[in-house]
Amino acid sequence: MAEFKVNVPVVQADPTVTVDVTAANPLPLGKHMFQLVVVDDSGNISDPAFLSVTIVDTEKPTAVLEVVDRAGKVLDAKVPFGQPFILSGIHSTDNPPGKVKEYRFTLLDRG
């Protein structure tokens, strides 16, 4: 589990990380953008991948603004307020024989 701070990477060898939140320290309601950058065993750094996660209120409606393709397909990443969730970079790859050795998960500034 990791406590995320805005624009501060959580660097680890494990491809998954639990976003540790509590009732006293929750992520605010609304959209939050996470970024993943991976580093291979040769020191090469990937381009970033992004994931938008929406923290929703379980009692009142939540306004969500999304981008969709022509078919209307959207990645649904809604998380109940105050609940932990898992981010995964497990499908990140490097060209053989290289191997991903580091995952840099970052909660980005909402501004």
N, C-alpha and C. Protein backbone atom coordinates (compact mmCIF):
# COMPACT_ATOMS: atom_id res chain seq x y z
N MET A 1 0.84 -1.17 0.00
CA MET A 1 0.00 0.00 0.00
C MET A 1 0.89 1.24 0.00
N ALA A 2 0.38 2.30 -0.63
CA ALA A 2 1.17 3.51 -0.72
C ALA A 2 0.29 4.74 -0.54
N GLU A 3 0.84 5.72 0.15
CA GLU A 3 0.15 7.00 0.27
C GLU A 3 0.66 7.88 -0.86
N PHE A 4 -0.24 8.24 -1.76
CA PHE A 4 0.13 9.05 -2.90
C PHE A 4 0.09 10.53 -2.55
N LYS A 5 1.10 11.27 -2.99
CA LYS A 5 1.16 12.72 -2.86
C LYS A 5 1.24 13.27 -4.28
N VAL A 6 0.55 14.36 -4.54
CA VAL A 6 0.47 14.93 -5.87
C VAL A 6 1.86 15.19 -6.44
N ASN A 7 2.07 14.70 -7.66
CA ASN A 7 3.30 14.87 -8.45
C ASN A 7 4.55 14.25 -7.83
N VAL A 8 4.38 13.31 -6.89
CA VAL A 8 5.51 12.61 -6.29
C VAL A 8 5.39 11.13 -6.66
N PRO A 9 6.31 10.60 -7.50
CA PRO A 9 6.20 9.20 -7.91
C PRO A 9 6.35 8.23 -6.73
N VAL A 10 5.62 7.14 -6.81
CA VAL A 10 5.79 6.00 -5.90
C VAL A 10 6.60 5.00 -6.73
N VAL A 11 7.86 4.83 -6.39
CA VAL A 11 8.78 4.01 -7.18
C VAL A 11 8.96 2.66 -6.51
N GLN A 12 8.78 1.59 -7.27
CA GLN A 12 8.88 0.24 -6.70
C GLN A 12 9.15 -0.77 -7.80
N ALA A 13 9.54 -1.98 -7.40
CA ALA A 13 9.80 -3.06 -8.35
C ALA A 13 8.53 -3.85 -8.66
N ASP A 14 7.51 -3.75 -7.82
CA ASP A 14 6.25 -4.48 -7.98
C ASP A 14 5.37 -3.75 -9.00
N PRO A 15 4.72 -4.47 -9.95
CA PRO A 15 3.91 -3.81 -10.96
C PRO A 15 2.52 -3.36 -10.49
N THR A 16 2.12 -3.68 -9.27
CA THR A 16 0.84 -3.23 -8.75
C THR A 16 1.04 -2.47 -7.45
N VAL A 17 0.14 -1.51 -7.20
CA VAL A 17 0.23 -0.71 -5.98
C VAL A 17 -1.19 -0.41 -5.51
N THR A 18 -1.43 -0.52 -4.21
CA THR A 18 -2.71 -0.15 -3.63
C THR A 18 -2.65 1.31 -3.23
N VAL A 19 -3.63 2.08 -3.71
CA VAL A 19 -3.71 3.50 -3.35
C VAL A 19 -4.35 3.53 -1.97
N ASP A 20 -3.56 3.83 -0.96
CA ASP A 20 -3.98 3.77 0.44
C ASP A 20 -4.70 5.04 0.83
N VAL A 21 -6.01 4.92 1.08
CA VAL A 21 -6.80 6.06 1.54
C VAL A 21 -7.55 5.66 2.80
N THR A 22 -7.89 6.64 3.61
CA THR A 22 -8.65 6.40 4.83
C THR A 22 -9.76 7.44 4.91
N ALA A 23 -10.68 7.27 5.85
CA ALA A 23 -11.74 8.25 6.06
C ALA A 23 -11.13 9.61 6.43
N ALA A 24 -10.01 9.59 7.15
CA ALA A 24 -9.35 10.83 7.57
C ALA A 24 -8.51 11.44 6.44
N ASN A 25 -8.10 10.62 5.46
CA ASN A 25 -7.25 11.09 4.38
C ASN A 25 -7.71 10.51 3.04
N PRO A 26 -8.95 10.84 2.60
CA PRO A 26 -9.45 10.29 1.35
C PRO A 26 -8.98 11.10 0.15
N LEU A 27 -9.08 10.51 -1.04
CA LEU A 27 -8.96 11.32 -2.25
C LEU A 27 -10.28 12.06 -2.39
N PRO A 28 -10.26 13.35 -2.71
CA PRO A 28 -11.51 14.10 -2.86
C PRO A 28 -12.39 13.53 -3.98
N LEU A 29 -13.67 13.82 -3.90
CA LEU A 29 -14.59 13.41 -4.95
C LEU A 29 -14.16 14.02 -6.28
N GLY A 30 -14.43 13.30 -7.36
CA GLY A 30 -14.11 13.80 -8.70
C GLY A 30 -13.03 12.99 -9.37
N LYS A 31 -12.57 13.50 -10.50
CA LYS A 31 -11.56 12.78 -11.30
C LYS A 31 -10.16 13.04 -10.78
N HIS A 32 -9.36 11.99 -10.84
CA HIS A 32 -7.95 12.05 -10.48
C HIS A 32 -7.17 11.36 -11.59
N MET A 33 -6.07 11.96 -12.00
CA MET A 33 -5.27 11.40 -13.08
C MET A 33 -4.02 10.75 -12.49
N PHE A 34 -3.80 9.50 -12.87
CA PHE A 34 -2.59 8.78 -12.47
C PHE A 34 -1.73 8.56 -13.71
N GLN A 35 -0.44 8.51 -13.49
CA GLN A 35 0.53 8.30 -14.56
C GLN A 35 1.43 7.13 -14.19
N LEU A 36 1.80 6.34 -15.18
CA LEU A 36 2.77 5.26 -14.99
C LEU A 36 3.89 5.42 -16.01
N VAL A 37 5.13 5.43 -15.52
CA VAL A 37 6.32 5.40 -16.35
C VAL A 37 7.11 4.18 -15.89
N VAL A 38 7.60 3.38 -16.82
CA VAL A 38 8.40 2.21 -16.45
C VAL A 38 9.83 2.38 -16.96
N VAL A 39 10.76 1.72 -16.25
CA VAL A 39 12.17 1.78 -16.60
C VAL A 39 12.66 0.35 -16.78
N ASP A 40 13.34 0.07 -17.90
CA ASP A 40 13.83 -1.28 -18.13
C ASP A 40 15.20 -1.49 -17.49
N ASP A 41 15.70 -2.72 -17.61
CA ASP A 41 16.97 -3.06 -16.96
C ASP A 41 18.18 -2.41 -17.61
N SER A 42 17.96 -1.72 -18.75
CA SER A 42 19.05 -0.96 -19.37
C SER A 42 18.98 0.52 -19.04
N GLY A 43 17.97 0.89 -18.24
CA GLY A 43 17.81 2.28 -17.86
C GLY A 43 16.95 3.11 -18.81
N ASN A 44 16.37 2.45 -19.84
CA ASN A 44 15.49 3.16 -20.76
C ASN A 44 14.16 3.47 -20.07
N ILE A 45 13.65 4.69 -20.29
CA ILE A 45 12.43 5.15 -19.64
C ILE A 45 11.31 5.23 -20.68
N SER A 46 10.15 4.64 -20.34
CA SER A 46 9.00 4.63 -21.25
C SER A 46 8.36 6.01 -21.36
N ASP A 47 7.54 6.17 -22.38
CA ASP A 47 6.62 7.30 -22.41
C ASP A 47 5.57 7.03 -21.35
N PRO A 48 4.94 8.08 -20.79
CA PRO A 48 3.96 7.85 -19.74
C PRO A 48 2.64 7.27 -20.28
N ALA A 49 1.99 6.47 -19.43
CA ALA A 49 0.62 6.00 -19.66
C ALA A 49 -0.24 6.69 -18.60
N PHE A 50 -1.47 7.03 -18.95
CA PHE A 50 -2.34 7.77 -18.05
C PHE A 50 -3.64 7.00 -17.79
N LEU A 51 -4.17 7.17 -16.58
CA LEU A 51 -5.45 6.57 -16.22
C LEU A 51 -6.22 7.58 -15.37
N SER A 52 -7.45 7.85 -15.77
CA SER A 52 -8.32 8.73 -15.01
C SER A 52 -9.20 7.87 -14.11
N VAL A 53 -9.22 8.16 -12.82
CA VAL A 53 -10.04 7.44 -11.84
C VAL A 53 -11.02 8.45 -11.24
N THR A 54 -12.29 8.09 -11.20
CA THR A 54 -13.30 8.97 -10.64
C THR A 54 -13.73 8.48 -9.27
N ILE A 55 -13.58 9.33 -8.26
CA ILE A 55 -14.04 9.01 -6.91
C ILE A 55 -15.48 9.53 -6.83
N VAL A 56 -16.43 8.62 -6.56
CA VAL A 56 -17.84 8.96 -6.60
C VAL A 56 -18.46 8.97 -5.21
N ASP A 57 -19.43 9.84 -5.02
CA ASP A 57 -20.22 9.88 -3.79
C ASP A 57 -21.23 8.74 -3.88
N THR A 58 -21.43 8.02 -2.80
CA THR A 58 -22.35 6.88 -2.82
C THR A 58 -23.79 7.28 -2.54
N GLU A 59 -24.03 8.56 -2.25
CA GLU A 59 -25.39 9.01 -1.96
C GLU A 59 -25.91 10.06 -2.94
N LYS A 60 -25.08 10.99 -3.36
CA LYS A 60 -25.57 12.03 -4.28
C LYS A 60 -24.96 11.81 -5.66
N PRO A 61 -25.54 12.41 -6.69
CA PRO A 61 -25.01 12.19 -8.04
C PRO A 61 -23.62 12.79 -8.21
N THR A 62 -22.87 12.21 -9.14
CA THR A 62 -21.53 12.69 -9.46
C THR A 62 -21.51 13.07 -10.94
N ALA A 63 -21.14 14.30 -11.24
CA ALA A 63 -21.02 14.73 -12.64
C ALA A 63 -19.69 14.21 -13.18
N VAL A 64 -19.72 13.58 -14.35
CA VAL A 64 -18.52 13.02 -14.96
C VAL A 64 -18.45 13.49 -16.41
N LEU A 65 -17.33 14.08 -16.79
CA LEU A 65 -17.09 14.51 -18.15
C LEU A 65 -16.03 13.60 -18.74
N GLU A 66 -16.36 12.92 -19.85
CA GLU A 66 -15.44 11.94 -20.42
C GLU A 66 -15.23 12.18 -21.91
N VAL A 67 -14.19 11.60 -22.43
CA VAL A 67 -13.95 11.57 -23.86
C VAL A 67 -14.26 10.15 -24.33
N VAL A 68 -15.01 10.04 -25.42
CA VAL A 68 -15.38 8.72 -25.95
C VAL A 68 -14.98 8.64 -27.41
N ASP A 69 -14.86 7.41 -27.91
CA ASP A 69 -14.59 7.24 -29.34
C ASP A 69 -15.91 7.27 -30.10
N ARG A 70 -15.86 7.13 -31.39
CA ARG A 70 -17.08 7.22 -32.22
C ARG A 70 -18.12 6.19 -31.84
N ALA A 71 -17.69 5.07 -31.29
CA ALA A 71 -18.61 4.01 -30.88
C ALA A 71 -19.12 4.24 -29.45
N GLY A 72 -18.59 5.26 -28.77
CA GLY A 72 -19.02 5.54 -27.40
C GLY A 72 -18.30 4.74 -26.33
N LYS A 73 -17.22 4.07 -26.68
CA LYS A 73 -16.50 3.23 -25.73
C LYS A 73 -15.66 4.08 -24.77
N VAL A 74 -15.79 3.82 -23.46
CA VAL A 74 -15.07 4.55 -22.41
C VAL A 74 -14.49 3.53 -21.43
N LEU A 75 -13.30 3.83 -20.90
CA LEU A 75 -12.75 3.02 -19.82
C LEU A 75 -13.41 3.47 -18.52
N ASP A 76 -14.11 2.57 -17.83
CA ASP A 76 -14.84 2.90 -16.61
C ASP A 76 -13.95 2.62 -15.41
N ALA A 77 -13.55 3.66 -14.71
CA ALA A 77 -12.68 3.52 -13.54
C ALA A 77 -13.27 4.32 -12.39
N LYS A 78 -14.44 3.91 -11.90
CA LYS A 78 -15.10 4.61 -10.80
C LYS A 78 -14.84 3.89 -9.49
N VAL A 79 -14.50 4.66 -8.46
CA VAL A 79 -14.15 4.11 -7.15
C VAL A 79 -15.00 4.80 -6.09
N PRO A 80 -15.64 4.04 -5.18
CA PRO A 80 -16.41 4.67 -4.11
C PRO A 80 -15.53 5.55 -3.22
N PHE A 81 -16.09 6.66 -2.76
CA PHE A 81 -15.38 7.61 -1.89
C PHE A 81 -14.84 6.89 -0.66
N GLY A 82 -13.59 7.16 -0.31
CA GLY A 82 -12.98 6.59 0.89
C GLY A 82 -12.52 5.16 0.77
N GLN A 83 -12.60 4.57 -0.43
CA GLN A 83 -12.21 3.17 -0.60
C GLN A 83 -10.86 3.06 -1.31
N PRO A 84 -10.02 2.13 -0.88
CA PRO A 84 -8.75 1.92 -1.58
C PRO A 84 -8.99 1.23 -2.92
N PHE A 85 -8.02 1.34 -3.81
CA PHE A 85 -8.10 0.65 -5.09
C PHE A 85 -6.69 0.32 -5.56
N ILE A 86 -6.61 -0.55 -6.55
CA ILE A 86 -5.31 -1.05 -7.03
C ILE A 86 -5.05 -0.54 -8.44
N LEU A 87 -3.86 0.00 -8.66
CA LEU A 87 -3.40 0.36 -9.99
C LEU A 87 -2.45 -0.73 -10.45
N SER A 88 -2.52 -1.07 -11.73
CA SER A 88 -1.66 -2.14 -12.22
C SER A 88 -0.90 -1.70 -13.46
N GLY A 89 0.39 -1.99 -13.46
CA GLY A 89 1.23 -1.79 -14.64
C GLY A 89 1.75 -3.11 -15.13
N ILE A 90 1.06 -4.19 -14.72
CA ILE A 90 1.55 -5.55 -14.98
C ILE A 90 1.70 -5.87 -16.47
N HIS A 91 0.93 -5.21 -17.32
CA HIS A 91 1.04 -5.48 -18.75
C HIS A 91 2.05 -4.59 -19.45
N SER A 92 2.80 -3.81 -18.69
CA SER A 92 3.88 -3.02 -19.28
C SER A 92 4.96 -3.97 -19.78
N THR A 93 5.53 -3.64 -20.91
CA THR A 93 6.52 -4.55 -21.49
C THR A 93 7.73 -3.78 -21.99
N ASP A 94 8.81 -4.51 -22.21
CA ASP A 94 10.01 -4.00 -22.84
C ASP A 94 10.34 -4.96 -23.97
N ASN A 95 11.07 -4.50 -24.96
CA ASN A 95 11.47 -5.40 -26.04
C ASN A 95 12.46 -6.42 -25.52
N PRO A 96 12.24 -7.71 -25.79
CA PRO A 96 13.18 -8.74 -25.34
C PRO A 96 14.58 -8.47 -25.88
N PRO A 97 15.61 -8.74 -25.12
CA PRO A 97 15.60 -9.45 -23.85
C PRO A 97 15.44 -8.53 -22.65
N GLY A 98 15.13 -7.24 -22.86
CA GLY A 98 14.98 -6.30 -21.75
C GLY A 98 13.79 -6.65 -20.86
N LYS A 99 13.84 -6.20 -19.61
CA LYS A 99 12.78 -6.45 -18.64
C LYS A 99 12.50 -5.17 -17.88
N VAL A 100 11.21 -4.91 -17.61
CA VAL A 100 10.84 -3.77 -16.79
C VAL A 100 11.31 -4.05 -15.37
N LYS A 101 12.02 -3.11 -14.77
CA LYS A 101 12.51 -3.32 -13.40
C LYS A 101 11.98 -2.30 -12.41
N GLU A 102 11.30 -1.24 -12.90
CA GLU A 102 10.82 -0.19 -12.00
C GLU A 102 9.52 0.38 -12.54
N TYR A 103 8.60 0.66 -11.64
CA TYR A 103 7.30 1.25 -11.98
C TYR A 103 7.17 2.55 -11.21
N ARG A 104 6.88 3.64 -11.90
CA ARG A 104 6.75 4.95 -11.27
C ARG A 104 5.29 5.42 -11.37
N PHE A 105 4.51 5.15 -10.35
CA PHE A 105 3.11 5.56 -10.30
C PHE A 105 3.04 6.97 -9.72
N THR A 106 2.29 7.87 -10.35
CA THR A 106 2.20 9.26 -9.89
C THR A 106 0.75 9.73 -9.90
N LEU A 107 0.30 10.33 -8.80
CA LEU A 107 -0.97 11.04 -8.76
C LEU A 107 -0.68 12.46 -9.23
N LEU A 108 -1.31 12.88 -10.30
CA LEU A 108 -1.03 14.19 -10.86
C LEU A 108 -1.93 15.27 -10.29
N ASP A 109 -1.46 16.50 -10.34
CA ASP A 109 -2.20 17.66 -9.87
C ASP A 109 -3.51 17.77 -10.66
N ARG A 110 -4.61 18.04 -9.97
CA ARG A 110 -5.91 18.12 -10.62
C ARG A 110 -6.10 19.41 -11.40
N GLY A 111 -5.19 20.38 -11.25
CA GLY A 111 -5.31 21.67 -11.92
C GLY A 111 -4.99 21.59 -13.33
